[in-house]
């Protein structure tokens, strides 16, 4: 729950947190803010035409629009990806891991996020620590929750 900014999307009750900027719910909040501002300024947003619809946007909506080269969606993804890069740089500098595995939004949209994340990591992380750290998308995808539930059920006595 690292705070990456004084203000921003809320993740786990903490505005501007790592989760706030990088989770599906946080990206939806970010999308609502960016899209609403543009619509109020009279700027067109191809994937969202009104303020009511902006409040219903999801991270999936943003990713689909970004894959279709929508500039506003690409801007939202870039903001999220840059904060992801900043958060990962902190982890790399502090923990010096050999590998970080990222699931969910990143795993499903690696092509959209990776260029921005890599750029920020090169700017922010200690080079020698970054050189030995691989950033990999999770292989379990959307099934991760199912596997976690099975593990808890199998090892119930252990907890």
N, C-alpha and C. Protein backbone atom coordinates (compact mmCIF):
# COMPACT_ATOMS: atom_id res chain seq x y z
N UNK A 1 0.83 -1.19 0.00
CA UNK A 1 0.00 0.00 0.00
C UNK A 1 0.87 1.25 0.00
N UNK A 2 1.92 1.21 -0.75
CA UNK A 2 2.86 2.32 -0.85
C UNK A 2 2.16 3.52 -1.48
N UNK A 3 2.32 4.68 -0.88
CA UNK A 3 1.75 5.90 -1.46
C UNK A 3 2.72 6.40 -2.53
N UNK A 4 2.23 6.54 -3.75
CA UNK A 4 3.05 7.01 -4.85
C UNK A 4 2.79 8.48 -5.19
N UNK A 5 1.68 9.02 -4.71
CA UNK A 5 1.33 10.43 -4.97
C UNK A 5 0.46 10.92 -3.82
N UNK A 6 0.44 12.23 -3.63
CA UNK A 6 -0.38 12.80 -2.56
C UNK A 6 -1.86 12.62 -2.81
N UNK A 7 -2.24 12.52 -4.06
CA UNK A 7 -3.63 12.35 -4.43
C UNK A 7 -3.69 11.38 -5.60
N UNK A 8 -4.83 10.79 -5.81
CA UNK A 8 -4.99 9.87 -6.92
C UNK A 8 -6.07 8.86 -6.62
N UNK A 9 -6.20 7.87 -7.49
CA UNK A 9 -7.21 6.83 -7.27
C UNK A 9 -6.98 6.14 -5.93
N UNK A 10 -8.06 5.65 -5.36
CA UNK A 10 -8.00 5.02 -4.04
C UNK A 10 -7.92 3.50 -4.19
N UNK A 11 -6.93 2.92 -3.55
CA UNK A 11 -6.79 1.48 -3.47
C UNK A 11 -6.69 1.10 -2.01
N UNK A 12 -7.53 0.22 -1.53
CA UNK A 12 -7.54 -0.21 -0.13
C UNK A 12 -7.61 0.98 0.82
N UNK A 13 -8.42 1.97 0.45
CA UNK A 13 -8.66 3.12 1.32
C UNK A 13 -7.56 4.16 1.34
N UNK A 14 -6.59 4.07 0.44
CA UNK A 14 -5.45 4.98 0.47
C UNK A 14 -5.31 5.66 -0.89
N UNK A 15 -5.65 6.95 -0.94
CA UNK A 15 -5.55 7.71 -2.19
C UNK A 15 -4.09 7.84 -2.62
N UNK A 16 -3.87 7.70 -3.93
CA UNK A 16 -2.53 7.84 -4.48
C UNK A 16 -1.62 6.65 -4.23
N UNK A 17 -2.21 5.52 -3.85
CA UNK A 17 -1.40 4.34 -3.54
C UNK A 17 -1.05 3.55 -4.80
N UNK A 18 -0.08 2.66 -4.63
CA UNK A 18 0.33 1.74 -5.69
C UNK A 18 -0.90 1.04 -6.26
N UNK A 19 -1.72 0.46 -5.38
CA UNK A 19 -2.92 -0.25 -5.80
C UNK A 19 -3.92 0.70 -6.46
N UNK A 20 -3.99 1.92 -5.95
CA UNK A 20 -4.92 2.90 -6.51
C UNK A 20 -4.62 3.20 -7.97
N UNK A 21 -3.36 3.33 -8.30
CA UNK A 21 -3.00 3.66 -9.68
C UNK A 21 -2.95 2.44 -10.59
N UNK A 22 -2.72 1.25 -10.03
CA UNK A 22 -2.42 0.10 -10.87
C UNK A 22 -3.45 -1.02 -10.86
N UNK A 23 -4.43 -0.97 -9.97
CA UNK A 23 -5.45 -2.01 -9.94
C UNK A 23 -6.57 -1.70 -10.93
N UNK A 24 -7.38 -2.68 -11.21
CA UNK A 24 -8.52 -2.47 -12.11
C UNK A 24 -9.44 -1.38 -11.62
N UNK A 25 -9.78 -1.42 -10.33
CA UNK A 25 -10.65 -0.40 -9.76
C UNK A 25 -10.01 0.98 -9.80
N UNK A 26 -8.71 1.03 -9.55
CA UNK A 26 -8.00 2.31 -9.60
C UNK A 26 -7.94 2.88 -11.00
N UNK A 27 -7.72 2.02 -11.99
CA UNK A 27 -7.69 2.48 -13.38
C UNK A 27 -9.07 3.00 -13.77
N UNK A 28 -10.12 2.36 -13.29
CA UNK A 28 -11.48 2.85 -13.56
C UNK A 28 -11.68 4.24 -12.95
N UNK A 29 -11.19 4.45 -11.73
CA UNK A 29 -11.29 5.77 -11.10
C UNK A 29 -10.49 6.80 -11.89
N UNK A 30 -9.30 6.43 -12.31
CA UNK A 30 -8.45 7.31 -13.09
C UNK A 30 -9.12 7.66 -14.41
N UNK A 31 -9.73 6.66 -15.05
CA UNK A 31 -10.43 6.88 -16.32
C UNK A 31 -11.58 7.85 -16.13
N UNK A 32 -12.35 7.68 -15.06
CA UNK A 32 -13.47 8.60 -14.82
C UNK A 32 -12.97 10.03 -14.68
N UNK A 33 -11.88 10.21 -13.95
CA UNK A 33 -11.33 11.55 -13.73
C UNK A 33 -10.83 12.17 -15.04
N UNK A 34 -10.04 11.43 -15.80
CA UNK A 34 -9.46 11.94 -17.04
C UNK A 34 -10.55 12.21 -18.08
N UNK A 35 -11.45 11.25 -18.27
CA UNK A 35 -12.52 11.38 -19.27
C UNK A 35 -13.46 12.52 -18.89
N UNK A 36 -13.85 12.60 -17.63
CA UNK A 36 -14.76 13.66 -17.19
C UNK A 36 -14.16 15.04 -17.43
N UNK A 37 -12.88 15.18 -17.12
CA UNK A 37 -12.21 16.47 -17.34
C UNK A 37 -12.21 16.84 -18.81
N UNK A 38 -11.91 15.88 -19.67
CA UNK A 38 -11.89 16.15 -21.11
C UNK A 38 -13.29 16.50 -21.61
N UNK A 39 -14.29 15.75 -21.19
CA UNK A 39 -15.66 16.03 -21.63
C UNK A 39 -16.12 17.40 -21.16
N UNK A 40 -15.80 17.77 -19.93
CA UNK A 40 -16.17 19.09 -19.40
C UNK A 40 -15.47 20.22 -20.14
N UNK A 41 -14.29 19.93 -20.69
CA UNK A 41 -13.55 20.92 -21.48
C UNK A 41 -13.94 20.91 -22.95
N UNK A 42 -14.95 20.09 -23.29
CA UNK A 42 -15.42 20.04 -24.67
C UNK A 42 -14.57 19.19 -25.60
N UNK A 43 -13.67 18.41 -25.03
CA UNK A 43 -12.82 17.54 -25.85
C UNK A 43 -13.54 16.21 -26.09
N UNK A 44 -13.48 15.70 -27.31
CA UNK A 44 -14.16 14.43 -27.60
C UNK A 44 -13.39 13.24 -27.01
N UNK A 45 -14.14 12.25 -26.57
CA UNK A 45 -13.57 11.00 -26.09
C UNK A 45 -14.33 9.89 -26.81
N UNK A 46 -13.67 9.26 -27.76
CA UNK A 46 -14.34 8.31 -28.65
C UNK A 46 -14.99 7.14 -27.91
N UNK A 47 -14.37 6.65 -26.85
CA UNK A 47 -14.90 5.46 -26.19
C UNK A 47 -15.86 5.78 -25.04
N UNK A 48 -16.15 7.07 -24.84
CA UNK A 48 -17.07 7.47 -23.76
C UNK A 48 -17.63 8.85 -24.08
N UNK A 49 -18.92 8.91 -24.34
CA UNK A 49 -19.50 10.16 -24.85
C UNK A 49 -20.11 11.09 -23.81
N UNK A 50 -20.33 10.62 -22.57
CA UNK A 50 -20.97 11.50 -21.59
C UNK A 50 -20.48 11.21 -20.17
N UNK A 51 -20.76 12.14 -19.26
CA UNK A 51 -20.29 12.03 -17.88
C UNK A 51 -20.88 10.82 -17.15
N UNK A 52 -22.12 10.50 -17.44
CA UNK A 52 -22.74 9.34 -16.80
C UNK A 52 -22.01 8.05 -17.19
N UNK A 53 -21.66 7.94 -18.46
CA UNK A 53 -20.91 6.77 -18.92
C UNK A 53 -19.51 6.74 -18.33
N UNK A 54 -18.91 7.92 -18.12
CA UNK A 54 -17.56 7.99 -17.55
C UNK A 54 -17.53 7.35 -16.17
N UNK A 55 -18.60 7.50 -15.42
CA UNK A 55 -18.67 6.94 -14.07
C UNK A 55 -18.78 5.42 -14.09
N UNK A 56 -19.09 4.84 -15.24
CA UNK A 56 -19.26 3.39 -15.36
C UNK A 56 -18.08 2.71 -16.04
N UNK A 57 -17.06 3.46 -16.42
CA UNK A 57 -15.92 2.88 -17.12
C UNK A 57 -15.19 1.86 -16.26
N UNK A 58 -14.65 0.84 -16.93
CA UNK A 58 -13.85 -0.18 -16.27
C UNK A 58 -12.45 -0.18 -16.87
N UNK A 59 -11.53 -0.83 -16.19
CA UNK A 59 -10.18 -0.98 -16.72
C UNK A 59 -10.22 -1.73 -18.06
N UNK A 60 -11.14 -2.67 -18.18
CA UNK A 60 -11.27 -3.42 -19.43
C UNK A 60 -11.69 -2.49 -20.57
N UNK A 61 -12.63 -1.57 -20.30
CA UNK A 61 -13.05 -0.60 -21.32
C UNK A 61 -11.85 0.22 -21.80
N UNK A 62 -11.05 0.66 -20.85
CA UNK A 62 -9.88 1.48 -21.17
C UNK A 62 -8.88 0.68 -22.00
N UNK A 63 -8.60 -0.55 -21.59
CA UNK A 63 -7.64 -1.39 -22.31
C UNK A 63 -8.10 -1.68 -23.73
N UNK A 64 -9.38 -1.99 -23.88
CA UNK A 64 -9.91 -2.26 -25.23
C UNK A 64 -9.78 -1.03 -26.11
N UNK A 65 -10.11 0.13 -25.57
CA UNK A 65 -9.99 1.37 -26.35
C UNK A 65 -8.53 1.66 -26.68
N UNK A 66 -7.64 1.43 -25.74
CA UNK A 66 -6.21 1.66 -25.98
C UNK A 66 -5.68 0.73 -27.06
N UNK A 67 -6.15 -0.52 -27.07
CA UNK A 67 -5.74 -1.46 -28.12
C UNK A 67 -6.22 -1.01 -29.49
N UNK A 68 -7.30 -0.23 -29.50
CA UNK A 68 -7.83 0.32 -30.75
C UNK A 68 -7.30 1.72 -31.02
N UNK A 69 -6.18 2.05 -30.40
CA UNK A 69 -5.46 3.31 -30.63
C UNK A 69 -6.21 4.56 -30.22
N UNK A 70 -7.08 4.47 -29.22
CA UNK A 70 -7.75 5.66 -28.71
C UNK A 70 -6.73 6.46 -27.88
N UNK A 71 -6.51 7.74 -28.22
CA UNK A 71 -5.49 8.52 -27.52
C UNK A 71 -5.80 8.79 -26.05
N UNK A 72 -7.06 8.95 -25.70
CA UNK A 72 -7.41 9.20 -24.30
C UNK A 72 -7.19 7.93 -23.48
N UNK A 73 -7.58 6.79 -24.01
CA UNK A 73 -7.35 5.52 -23.32
C UNK A 73 -5.85 5.26 -23.19
N UNK A 74 -5.09 5.58 -24.23
CA UNK A 74 -3.64 5.40 -24.18
C UNK A 74 -3.03 6.30 -23.10
N UNK A 75 -3.57 7.50 -22.94
CA UNK A 75 -3.10 8.42 -21.89
C UNK A 75 -3.36 7.83 -20.50
N UNK A 76 -4.52 7.25 -20.31
CA UNK A 76 -4.88 6.64 -19.02
C UNK A 76 -3.96 5.45 -18.72
N UNK A 77 -3.73 4.61 -19.71
CA UNK A 77 -2.83 3.47 -19.55
C UNK A 77 -1.42 3.97 -19.23
N UNK A 78 -0.99 5.01 -19.91
CA UNK A 78 0.35 5.54 -19.67
C UNK A 78 0.50 6.03 -18.23
N UNK A 79 -0.49 6.73 -17.72
CA UNK A 79 -0.44 7.20 -16.33
C UNK A 79 -0.31 6.01 -15.38
N UNK A 80 -1.16 5.02 -15.56
CA UNK A 80 -1.13 3.83 -14.70
C UNK A 80 0.21 3.12 -14.81
N UNK A 81 0.69 2.94 -16.03
CA UNK A 81 1.95 2.22 -16.26
C UNK A 81 3.14 2.96 -15.67
N UNK A 82 3.12 4.29 -15.75
CA UNK A 82 4.22 5.05 -15.17
C UNK A 82 4.24 4.91 -13.64
N UNK A 83 3.07 4.93 -13.03
CA UNK A 83 3.03 4.71 -11.58
C UNK A 83 3.44 3.28 -11.24
N UNK A 84 3.07 2.32 -12.07
CA UNK A 84 3.52 0.95 -11.86
C UNK A 84 5.05 0.91 -11.91
N UNK A 85 5.63 1.59 -12.88
CA UNK A 85 7.09 1.66 -12.99
C UNK A 85 7.73 2.28 -11.75
N UNK A 86 7.13 3.37 -11.25
CA UNK A 86 7.66 4.01 -10.04
C UNK A 86 7.59 3.06 -8.84
N UNK A 87 6.46 2.38 -8.69
CA UNK A 87 6.31 1.44 -7.59
C UNK A 87 7.29 0.28 -7.68
N UNK A 88 7.46 -0.25 -8.89
CA UNK A 88 8.40 -1.35 -9.08
C UNK A 88 9.83 -0.90 -8.82
N UNK A 89 10.16 0.33 -9.22
CA UNK A 89 11.50 0.86 -8.97
C UNK A 89 11.79 0.91 -7.47
N UNK A 90 10.81 1.31 -6.69
CA UNK A 90 10.98 1.32 -5.23
C UNK A 90 11.25 -0.09 -4.72
N UNK A 91 10.46 -1.05 -5.19
CA UNK A 91 10.65 -2.44 -4.75
C UNK A 91 12.02 -2.97 -5.17
N UNK A 92 12.43 -2.66 -6.38
CA UNK A 92 13.73 -3.12 -6.88
C UNK A 92 14.86 -2.50 -6.07
N UNK A 93 14.76 -1.20 -5.80
CA UNK A 93 15.81 -0.52 -5.03
C UNK A 93 15.91 -1.04 -3.60
N UNK A 94 14.78 -1.33 -2.98
CA UNK A 94 14.76 -1.75 -1.58
C UNK A 94 15.06 -3.24 -1.41
N UNK A 95 14.47 -4.07 -2.27
CA UNK A 95 14.55 -5.52 -2.09
C UNK A 95 15.58 -6.21 -2.98
N UNK A 96 15.96 -5.57 -4.09
CA UNK A 96 16.91 -6.14 -5.04
C UNK A 96 16.52 -7.56 -5.47
N UNK A 97 15.27 -7.76 -5.93
CA UNK A 97 14.83 -9.11 -6.32
C UNK A 97 15.39 -9.53 -7.68
N UNK A 98 15.43 -10.82 -7.89
CA UNK A 98 15.81 -11.33 -9.20
C UNK A 98 14.63 -11.34 -10.15
N UNK A 99 13.42 -11.41 -9.60
CA UNK A 99 12.23 -11.49 -10.44
C UNK A 99 11.02 -10.90 -9.71
N UNK A 100 10.21 -10.18 -10.45
CA UNK A 100 8.92 -9.70 -9.95
C UNK A 100 7.87 -10.22 -10.92
N UNK A 101 6.86 -10.89 -10.38
CA UNK A 101 5.77 -11.42 -11.20
C UNK A 101 4.55 -10.55 -10.96
N UNK A 102 4.00 -10.04 -12.06
CA UNK A 102 2.84 -9.15 -11.97
C UNK A 102 1.65 -9.83 -12.65
N UNK A 103 0.54 -9.87 -11.96
CA UNK A 103 -0.66 -10.52 -12.50
C UNK A 103 -1.68 -9.54 -13.00
N UNK A 104 -2.86 -10.04 -13.16
CA UNK A 104 -4.07 -9.28 -13.44
C UNK A 104 -3.95 -8.33 -14.63
N UNK A 105 -4.13 -7.05 -14.38
CA UNK A 105 -4.19 -6.05 -15.45
C UNK A 105 -2.93 -6.07 -16.31
N UNK A 106 -1.75 -6.10 -15.67
CA UNK A 106 -0.50 -6.11 -16.42
C UNK A 106 -0.38 -7.36 -17.28
N UNK A 107 -0.68 -8.51 -16.70
CA UNK A 107 -0.55 -9.77 -17.43
C UNK A 107 -1.44 -9.80 -18.67
N UNK A 108 -2.64 -9.23 -18.55
CA UNK A 108 -3.56 -9.23 -19.69
C UNK A 108 -3.23 -8.14 -20.72
N UNK A 109 -2.48 -7.14 -20.30
CA UNK A 109 -2.23 -5.98 -21.18
C UNK A 109 -0.76 -5.60 -21.23
N UNK A 110 0.10 -6.60 -21.18
CA UNK A 110 1.54 -6.34 -21.14
C UNK A 110 2.00 -5.44 -22.27
N UNK A 111 1.51 -5.64 -23.47
CA UNK A 111 1.96 -4.83 -24.61
C UNK A 111 1.64 -3.34 -24.42
N UNK A 112 0.56 -3.04 -23.71
CA UNK A 112 0.20 -1.64 -23.46
C UNK A 112 1.04 -1.03 -22.34
N UNK A 113 1.35 -1.80 -21.33
CA UNK A 113 2.03 -1.29 -20.14
C UNK A 113 3.55 -1.32 -20.24
N UNK A 114 4.10 -2.38 -20.80
CA UNK A 114 5.54 -2.64 -20.74
C UNK A 114 6.42 -1.49 -21.23
N UNK A 115 6.14 -0.85 -22.36
CA UNK A 115 7.04 0.23 -22.79
C UNK A 115 7.15 1.36 -21.77
N UNK A 116 6.04 1.74 -21.17
CA UNK A 116 6.05 2.82 -20.18
C UNK A 116 6.74 2.37 -18.89
N UNK A 117 6.42 1.15 -18.45
CA UNK A 117 7.04 0.61 -17.23
C UNK A 117 8.55 0.53 -17.41
N UNK A 118 9.00 -0.01 -18.53
CA UNK A 118 10.43 -0.15 -18.78
C UNK A 118 11.14 1.20 -18.80
N UNK A 119 10.52 2.20 -19.42
CA UNK A 119 11.12 3.54 -19.48
C UNK A 119 11.30 4.11 -18.08
N UNK A 120 10.26 4.02 -17.25
CA UNK A 120 10.35 4.54 -15.88
C UNK A 120 11.37 3.76 -15.07
N UNK A 121 11.40 2.45 -15.23
CA UNK A 121 12.38 1.65 -14.49
C UNK A 121 13.80 2.08 -14.85
N UNK A 122 14.06 2.34 -16.12
CA UNK A 122 15.40 2.78 -16.53
C UNK A 122 15.74 4.14 -15.94
N UNK A 123 14.74 4.99 -15.78
CA UNK A 123 14.95 6.33 -15.21
C UNK A 123 15.10 6.28 -13.69
N UNK A 124 14.38 5.38 -13.02
CA UNK A 124 14.24 5.44 -11.56
C UNK A 124 15.01 4.39 -10.77
N UNK A 125 15.10 3.18 -11.27
CA UNK A 125 15.70 2.10 -10.48
C UNK A 125 17.22 2.17 -10.50
N UNK A 126 17.83 1.68 -9.45
CA UNK A 126 19.28 1.57 -9.42
C UNK A 126 19.69 0.61 -10.54
N UNK A 127 20.54 1.07 -11.48
CA UNK A 127 20.85 0.25 -12.66
C UNK A 127 21.34 -1.16 -12.34
N UNK A 128 22.23 -1.30 -11.36
CA UNK A 128 22.76 -2.64 -11.07
C UNK A 128 21.68 -3.57 -10.51
N UNK A 129 20.72 -3.02 -9.77
CA UNK A 129 19.61 -3.83 -9.26
C UNK A 129 18.64 -4.18 -10.38
N UNK A 130 18.37 -3.21 -11.25
CA UNK A 130 17.46 -3.45 -12.38
C UNK A 130 18.03 -4.49 -13.34
N UNK A 131 19.35 -4.47 -13.53
CA UNK A 131 19.98 -5.41 -14.46
C UNK A 131 19.74 -6.87 -14.10
N UNK A 132 19.58 -7.17 -12.81
CA UNK A 132 19.40 -8.57 -12.40
C UNK A 132 17.94 -8.93 -12.13
N UNK A 133 17.03 -7.97 -12.33
CA UNK A 133 15.61 -8.22 -12.03
C UNK A 133 14.80 -8.39 -13.31
N UNK A 134 14.10 -9.50 -13.40
CA UNK A 134 13.18 -9.73 -14.52
C UNK A 134 11.78 -9.34 -14.06
N UNK A 135 11.03 -8.71 -14.96
CA UNK A 135 9.62 -8.40 -14.70
C UNK A 135 8.82 -9.33 -15.60
N UNK A 136 8.05 -10.24 -15.00
CA UNK A 136 7.30 -11.23 -15.78
C UNK A 136 5.81 -11.13 -15.50
N UNK A 137 5.00 -11.32 -16.55
CA UNK A 137 3.55 -11.42 -16.30
C UNK A 137 3.24 -12.77 -15.66
N UNK A 138 2.28 -12.79 -14.77
CA UNK A 138 1.87 -14.04 -14.12
C UNK A 138 1.32 -15.01 -15.16
N UNK A 139 1.64 -16.26 -14.99
CA UNK A 139 1.19 -17.30 -15.92
C UNK A 139 -0.18 -17.86 -15.57
N UNK A 140 -0.62 -17.69 -14.33
CA UNK A 140 -1.89 -18.28 -13.91
C UNK A 140 -3.09 -17.44 -14.33
N UNK A 141 -2.87 -16.22 -14.75
CA UNK A 141 -3.95 -15.38 -15.26
C UNK A 141 -5.10 -15.21 -14.28
N UNK A 142 -6.30 -15.25 -14.79
CA UNK A 142 -7.49 -15.03 -13.98
C UNK A 142 -7.80 -16.20 -13.05
N UNK A 143 -7.08 -17.30 -13.19
CA UNK A 143 -7.32 -18.47 -12.33
C UNK A 143 -6.62 -18.37 -10.98
N UNK A 144 -5.82 -17.33 -10.77
CA UNK A 144 -5.04 -17.22 -9.54
C UNK A 144 -5.91 -17.30 -8.29
N UNK A 145 -7.06 -16.66 -8.30
CA UNK A 145 -7.96 -16.71 -7.13
C UNK A 145 -8.47 -18.11 -6.86
N UNK A 146 -8.74 -18.84 -7.92
CA UNK A 146 -9.18 -20.23 -7.78
C UNK A 146 -8.10 -21.09 -7.12
N UNK A 147 -6.86 -20.92 -7.60
CA UNK A 147 -5.75 -21.69 -7.03
C UNK A 147 -5.52 -21.31 -5.56
N UNK A 148 -5.62 -20.03 -5.26
CA UNK A 148 -5.44 -19.59 -3.87
C UNK A 148 -6.50 -20.20 -2.96
N UNK A 149 -7.74 -20.21 -3.43
CA UNK A 149 -8.83 -20.79 -2.63
C UNK A 149 -8.60 -22.29 -2.40
N UNK A 150 -8.14 -22.98 -3.44
CA UNK A 150 -7.84 -24.41 -3.29
C UNK A 150 -6.71 -24.64 -2.28
N UNK A 151 -5.69 -23.80 -2.33
CA UNK A 151 -4.58 -23.95 -1.38
C UNK A 151 -5.05 -23.75 0.05
N UNK A 152 -5.87 -22.75 0.26
CA UNK A 152 -6.40 -22.51 1.61
C UNK A 152 -7.23 -23.70 2.06
N UNK A 153 -8.06 -24.23 1.17
CA UNK A 153 -8.90 -25.37 1.53
C UNK A 153 -8.06 -26.61 1.84
N UNK A 154 -7.01 -26.83 1.05
CA UNK A 154 -6.16 -28.00 1.26
C UNK A 154 -5.34 -27.91 2.54
N UNK A 155 -4.93 -26.73 2.89
CA UNK A 155 -4.05 -26.54 4.04
C UNK A 155 -4.74 -25.80 5.18
N UNK A 156 -6.03 -26.03 5.31
CA UNK A 156 -6.83 -25.34 6.32
C UNK A 156 -6.24 -25.48 7.72
N UNK A 157 -5.75 -26.64 8.06
CA UNK A 157 -5.21 -26.87 9.39
C UNK A 157 -3.90 -26.12 9.62
N UNK A 158 -3.22 -25.79 8.55
CA UNK A 158 -1.93 -25.10 8.66
C UNK A 158 -2.09 -23.64 9.07
N UNK A 159 -3.26 -23.08 8.83
CA UNK A 159 -3.46 -21.66 9.10
C UNK A 159 -4.16 -21.53 10.41
